[in-house]
Amino acid sequence: MRALSGELLLAAWDSGAAEHDLERAVTLLCLGFPERTRQEFYHLPIPERDLLLLRLREASFGPALSGFSVCSQCDARLVFTLPVTTMLTSLESGISSKPISWTENGKPMRLRPANTLDLLSALEIADAGEAQKFVLARCLDLPEAPPASLSEADVEMAQEKFDQLHEPAEIRCATECPECSARGTLELDMASFLWLEVRAAARRLLGEIHMLASAYGWTERTILRMAPRRRSAYLEMLTA
């Protein structure tokens, strides 16, 4: 695994800037895990994808994940910090990439976790409910019955199994507003969150490059090849 820093950080920002969140997640994984292929990441179950994204995030930005949200009751700013190690332990113990099987009304049914290709295939479906049904149908394996033969009760049970299969991979944070004491639960989208950190870090790095290049005439490549500590020392001298 390679941390997203220096030239690799800027490459991630360059590649992901014009992509959808789903494609960005795959791009970041390809850069962080160069020994694996893009097609492999497309087919990786979403719970496993998010686990790898979290590991990449820890390697790139450290052991604490910080962010903010807004209170749904009073719009106050809610700041949170989560220990990445605890999050990794929780995900590693809960996720499963194996399909689950059961029998419903005499029909054998099997369901696998959704992957990035499943989600990408539903992007053009405007109705969220219909998109969810479409993804569910892609993940269902019905050896003895076509999807059209499923009753409403069959679909509801399949949806319940789908939620159970993916729930352990969901990252949640309990919140309490410091202004109105309202409590809530924040669901963290790992792919979107990591991209926001990559974008912010890349912009900071570009600012540092601009300052050093302007002051010393160094090229971008020369500055990026400096150790971060040395680069910070030069920046401190410029701002002293």
Protein backbone atom coordinates (compact mmCIF):
# COMPACT_ATOMS: atom_id res chain seq x y z
CA MET A 1 0.00 0.00 0.00
CA ARG A 2 1.23 3.50 -0.87
CA ALA A 3 0.17 6.57 1.10
CA LEU A 4 -1.38 9.38 -0.91
CA SER A 5 1.28 12.05 -0.46
CA GLY A 6 3.55 14.20 -2.61
CA GLU A 7 3.29 13.45 -6.33
CA LEU A 8 0.84 10.60 -5.68
CA LEU A 9 -1.49 12.96 -3.82
CA LEU A 10 -1.52 15.39 -6.74
CA ALA A 11 -2.06 12.49 -9.16
CA ALA A 12 -5.10 11.43 -7.11
CA TRP A 13 -6.47 14.96 -7.19
CA ASP A 14 -5.83 15.34 -10.92
CA SER A 15 -7.49 12.02 -11.78
CA GLY A 16 -10.44 12.26 -9.42
CA ALA A 17 -11.44 15.90 -9.96
CA ALA A 18 -13.72 15.15 -12.92
CA GLU A 19 -14.98 11.74 -11.74
CA HIS A 20 -18.10 10.57 -9.95
CA ASP A 21 -17.61 9.54 -6.30
CA LEU A 22 -17.87 5.86 -7.27
CA GLU A 23 -15.15 6.18 -9.90
CA ARG A 24 -13.01 8.30 -7.57
CA ALA A 25 -13.05 5.56 -4.96
CA VAL A 26 -11.68 3.10 -7.51
CA THR A 27 -9.07 5.61 -8.71
CA LEU A 28 -7.82 6.21 -5.16
CA LEU A 29 -7.58 2.47 -4.54
CA CYS A 30 -5.66 1.93 -7.79
CA LEU A 31 -3.13 4.56 -6.71
CA GLY A 32 -2.86 3.21 -3.18
CA PHE A 33 -2.73 -0.46 -4.15
CA PRO A 34 -0.87 -0.54 -7.51
CA GLU A 35 -0.46 -4.32 -7.40
CA ARG A 36 -4.20 -4.72 -8.02
CA THR A 37 -6.21 -3.90 -11.16
CA ARG A 38 -9.02 -1.43 -11.68
CA GLN A 39 -11.34 -4.26 -12.75
CA GLU A 40 -10.62 -6.04 -9.49
CA PHE A 41 -11.73 -2.98 -7.53
CA TYR A 42 -14.88 -2.63 -9.66
CA HIS A 43 -15.93 -6.14 -8.64
CA LEU A 44 -14.89 -5.82 -4.99
CA PRO A 45 -17.90 -5.90 -2.59
CA ILE A 46 -18.64 -2.44 -1.21
CA PRO A 47 -17.90 -3.49 2.41
CA GLU A 48 -14.42 -4.66 1.37
CA ARG A 49 -13.92 -1.54 -0.74
CA ASP A 50 -14.68 0.72 2.21
CA LEU A 51 -12.33 -1.27 4.44
CA LEU A 52 -9.48 -0.72 1.96
CA LEU A 53 -10.38 2.98 1.65
CA LEU A 54 -10.21 3.33 5.43
CA ARG A 55 -6.80 1.63 5.53
CA LEU A 56 -5.59 3.93 2.76
CA ARG A 57 -6.97 6.91 4.64
CA GLU A 58 -5.06 5.93 7.81
CA ALA A 59 -1.82 5.51 5.87
CA SER A 60 -2.29 8.85 4.11
CA PHE A 61 -3.70 11.14 6.81
CA GLY A 62 -3.09 9.52 10.19
CA PRO A 63 -4.87 7.64 13.00
CA ALA A 64 -7.66 10.13 13.72
CA LEU A 65 -10.50 10.99 11.37
CA SER A 66 -11.93 14.46 11.98
CA GLY A 67 -14.81 16.25 10.34
CA PHE A 68 -17.96 18.24 10.95
CA SER A 69 -21.68 18.11 10.34
CA VAL A 70 -24.64 20.39 10.99
CA CYS A 71 -27.31 19.87 13.66
CA SER A 72 -30.65 18.98 12.07
CA GLN A 73 -32.49 20.94 14.76
CA CYS A 74 -30.62 24.23 15.13
CA ASP A 75 -28.00 24.20 12.33
CA ALA A 76 -25.13 24.41 14.82
CA ARG A 77 -21.78 23.07 13.68
CA LEU A 78 -20.98 19.59 15.04
CA VAL A 79 -17.30 18.63 15.15
CA PHE A 80 -16.30 14.99 15.54
CA THR A 81 -13.10 12.94 15.77
CA LEU A 82 -13.04 9.17 15.31
CA PRO A 83 -10.14 6.76 16.01
CA VAL A 84 -9.36 4.95 12.77
CA THR A 85 -8.00 1.87 14.55
CA THR A 86 -11.33 1.33 16.31
CA MET A 87 -13.20 1.79 13.04
CA LEU A 88 -10.96 -0.72 11.28
CA THR A 89 -11.44 -3.29 14.04
CA SER A 90 -15.20 -2.88 13.85
CA LEU A 91 -15.30 -3.25 10.08
CA GLU A 92 -12.90 -6.20 9.98
CA SER A 93 -14.98 -8.13 12.50
CA GLY A 94 -18.32 -7.41 10.89
CA ILE A 95 -18.03 -7.51 7.11
CA SER A 96 -18.50 -10.57 4.96
CA SER A 97 -17.98 -10.90 1.22
CA LYS A 98 -19.73 -14.25 1.03
CA PRO A 99 -23.25 -14.54 -0.44
CA ILE A 100 -26.08 -15.53 1.88
CA SER A 101 -28.63 -18.19 0.97
CA TRP A 102 -32.15 -18.92 2.19
CA THR A 103 -35.45 -20.40 1.03
CA GLU A 104 -38.49 -18.19 0.59
CA ASN A 105 -41.89 -19.73 -0.20
CA GLY A 106 -40.15 -22.87 -1.45
CA LYS A 107 -37.79 -20.92 -3.72
CA PRO A 108 -34.02 -21.13 -3.11
CA MET A 109 -32.51 -17.63 -3.08
CA ARG A 110 -28.95 -16.36 -2.87
CA LEU A 111 -27.75 -12.79 -2.45
CA ARG A 112 -24.24 -11.36 -2.81
CA PRO A 113 -22.96 -7.99 -1.58
CA ALA A 114 -23.22 -5.09 -4.03
CA ASN A 115 -20.11 -3.87 -5.81
CA THR A 116 -19.13 -0.66 -7.60
CA LEU A 117 -20.35 -1.91 -10.98
CA ASP A 118 -23.80 -2.54 -9.47
CA LEU A 119 -23.98 1.02 -8.15
CA LEU A 120 -22.63 2.56 -11.36
CA SER A 121 -25.26 0.69 -13.40
CA ALA A 122 -28.04 2.38 -11.41
CA LEU A 123 -26.81 5.98 -11.70
CA GLU A 124 -29.12 6.85 -14.58
CA ILE A 125 -32.23 5.74 -12.67
CA ALA A 126 -33.67 8.95 -11.24
CA ASP A 127 -36.03 7.37 -8.71
CA ALA A 128 -34.07 6.27 -5.63
CA GLY A 129 -36.50 3.44 -4.87
CA GLU A 130 -36.30 2.06 -8.39
CA ALA A 131 -32.51 2.33 -8.36
CA GLN A 132 -32.41 0.33 -5.12
CA LYS A 133 -34.61 -2.37 -6.62
CA PHE A 134 -32.38 -2.49 -9.70
CA VAL A 135 -29.25 -3.03 -7.61
CA LEU A 136 -31.04 -5.64 -5.53
CA ALA A 137 -32.04 -7.55 -8.67
CA ARG A 138 -28.42 -7.56 -9.89
CA CYS A 139 -27.23 -9.02 -6.60
CA LEU A 140 -29.91 -11.74 -6.41
CA ASP A 141 -29.11 -15.19 -7.75
CA LEU A 142 -32.29 -17.23 -8.35
CA PRO A 143 -31.30 -20.68 -9.59
CA GLU A 144 -34.85 -21.89 -10.08
CA ALA A 145 -36.96 -18.77 -10.59
CA PRO A 146 -36.71 -15.60 -12.71
CA PRO A 147 -36.86 -12.25 -10.86
CA ALA A 148 -40.29 -11.54 -12.37
CA SER A 149 -41.73 -14.48 -10.45
CA LEU A 150 -40.94 -12.95 -7.07
CA SER A 151 -43.86 -11.76 -4.98
CA GLU A 152 -43.83 -8.48 -3.07
CA ALA A 153 -43.12 -10.46 0.11
CA ASP A 154 -40.16 -12.16 -1.61
CA VAL A 155 -38.73 -8.78 -2.59
CA GLU A 156 -39.21 -7.38 0.92
CA MET A 157 -37.38 -10.35 2.42
CA ALA A 158 -34.56 -9.99 -0.12
CA GLN A 159 -34.29 -6.29 0.74
CA GLU A 160 -34.11 -7.15 4.44
CA LYS A 161 -31.32 -9.64 3.74
CA PHE A 162 -29.55 -7.03 1.58
CA ASP A 163 -29.62 -4.53 4.45
CA GLN A 164 -28.33 -7.15 6.89
CA LEU A 165 -25.49 -8.03 4.54
CA HIS A 166 -24.29 -4.42 4.23
CA GLU A 167 -25.11 -3.02 7.68
CA PRO A 168 -21.86 -4.17 9.36
CA ALA A 169 -19.89 -2.10 6.85
CA GLU A 170 -21.74 1.14 7.57
CA ILE A 171 -19.71 3.70 9.50
CA ARG A 172 -21.83 5.63 12.00
CA CYS A 173 -21.02 8.26 14.58
CA ALA A 174 -23.33 9.27 17.44
CA THR A 175 -23.63 13.05 17.78
CA GLU A 176 -24.94 15.45 20.41
CA CYS A 177 -25.40 19.13 19.61
CA PRO A 178 -23.53 21.44 22.04
CA GLU A 179 -26.16 24.15 21.49
CA CYS A 180 -29.53 22.37 21.73
CA SER A 181 -28.47 18.90 23.01
CA ALA A 182 -30.23 17.18 20.13
CA ARG A 183 -28.86 13.70 19.52
CA GLY A 184 -28.45 12.02 16.16
CA THR A 185 -26.47 9.55 14.12
CA LEU A 186 -24.10 10.57 11.37
CA GLU A 187 -23.49 8.08 8.56
CA LEU A 188 -20.07 8.45 7.01
CA ASP A 189 -19.54 7.72 3.30
CA MET A 190 -15.90 6.63 3.28
CA ALA A 191 -15.40 7.23 -0.44
CA SER A 192 -16.75 10.81 -0.31
CA PHE A 193 -14.96 11.62 2.94
CA LEU A 194 -11.56 10.42 1.71
CA TRP A 195 -11.95 12.41 -1.51
CA LEU A 196 -12.66 15.60 0.47
CA GLU A 197 -9.47 15.05 2.45
CA VAL A 198 -7.48 14.32 -0.71
CA ARG A 199 -8.81 17.49 -2.37
CA ALA A 200 -8.06 19.68 0.66
CA ALA A 201 -4.56 18.20 1.13
CA ALA A 202 -3.75 18.59 -2.57
CA ARG A 203 -4.75 22.25 -2.53
CA ARG A 204 -2.60 22.87 0.56
CA LEU A 205 0.32 21.17 -1.14
CA LEU A 206 -0.14 23.26 -4.29
CA GLY A 207 -0.11 26.37 -2.10
CA GLU A 208 3.18 25.28 -0.55
CA ILE A 209 4.66 24.59 -3.98
CA HIS A 210 3.59 28.05 -5.15
CA MET A 211 5.23 29.75 -2.17
CA LEU A 212 8.51 27.85 -2.47
CA ALA A 213 8.69 28.11 -6.25
CA SER A 214 8.04 31.85 -6.08
CA ALA A 215 10.66 32.40 -3.38
CA TYR A 216 13.43 30.08 -4.51
CA GLY A 217 12.73 29.35 -8.17
CA TRP A 218 12.55 25.60 -7.56
CA THR A 219 10.51 23.38 -9.87
CA GLU A 220 7.40 21.52 -8.75
CA ARG A 221 9.23 18.20 -9.06
CA THR A 222 12.12 19.40 -6.89
CA ILE A 223 9.73 20.60 -4.18
CA LEU A 224 7.66 17.41 -4.23
CA ARG A 225 10.79 15.30 -3.84
CA MET A 226 11.67 17.10 -0.60
CA ALA A 227 10.83 15.37 2.66
CA PRO A 228 7.74 17.02 4.20
CA ARG A 229 9.73 18.11 7.26
CA ARG A 230 12.32 19.92 5.13
CA ARG A 231 9.60 21.53 3.03
CA SER A 232 7.87 22.74 6.21
CA ALA A 233 11.15 24.19 7.49
CA TYR A 234 11.57 26.31 4.37
CA LEU A 235 7.96 27.47 4.61
CA GLU A 236 8.47 28.48 8.25
CA MET A 237 11.48 30.58 7.25
CA LEU A 238 9.43 32.31 4.56
CA THR A 239 6.65 33.19 6.98
CA ALA A 240 8.85 34.06 9.98
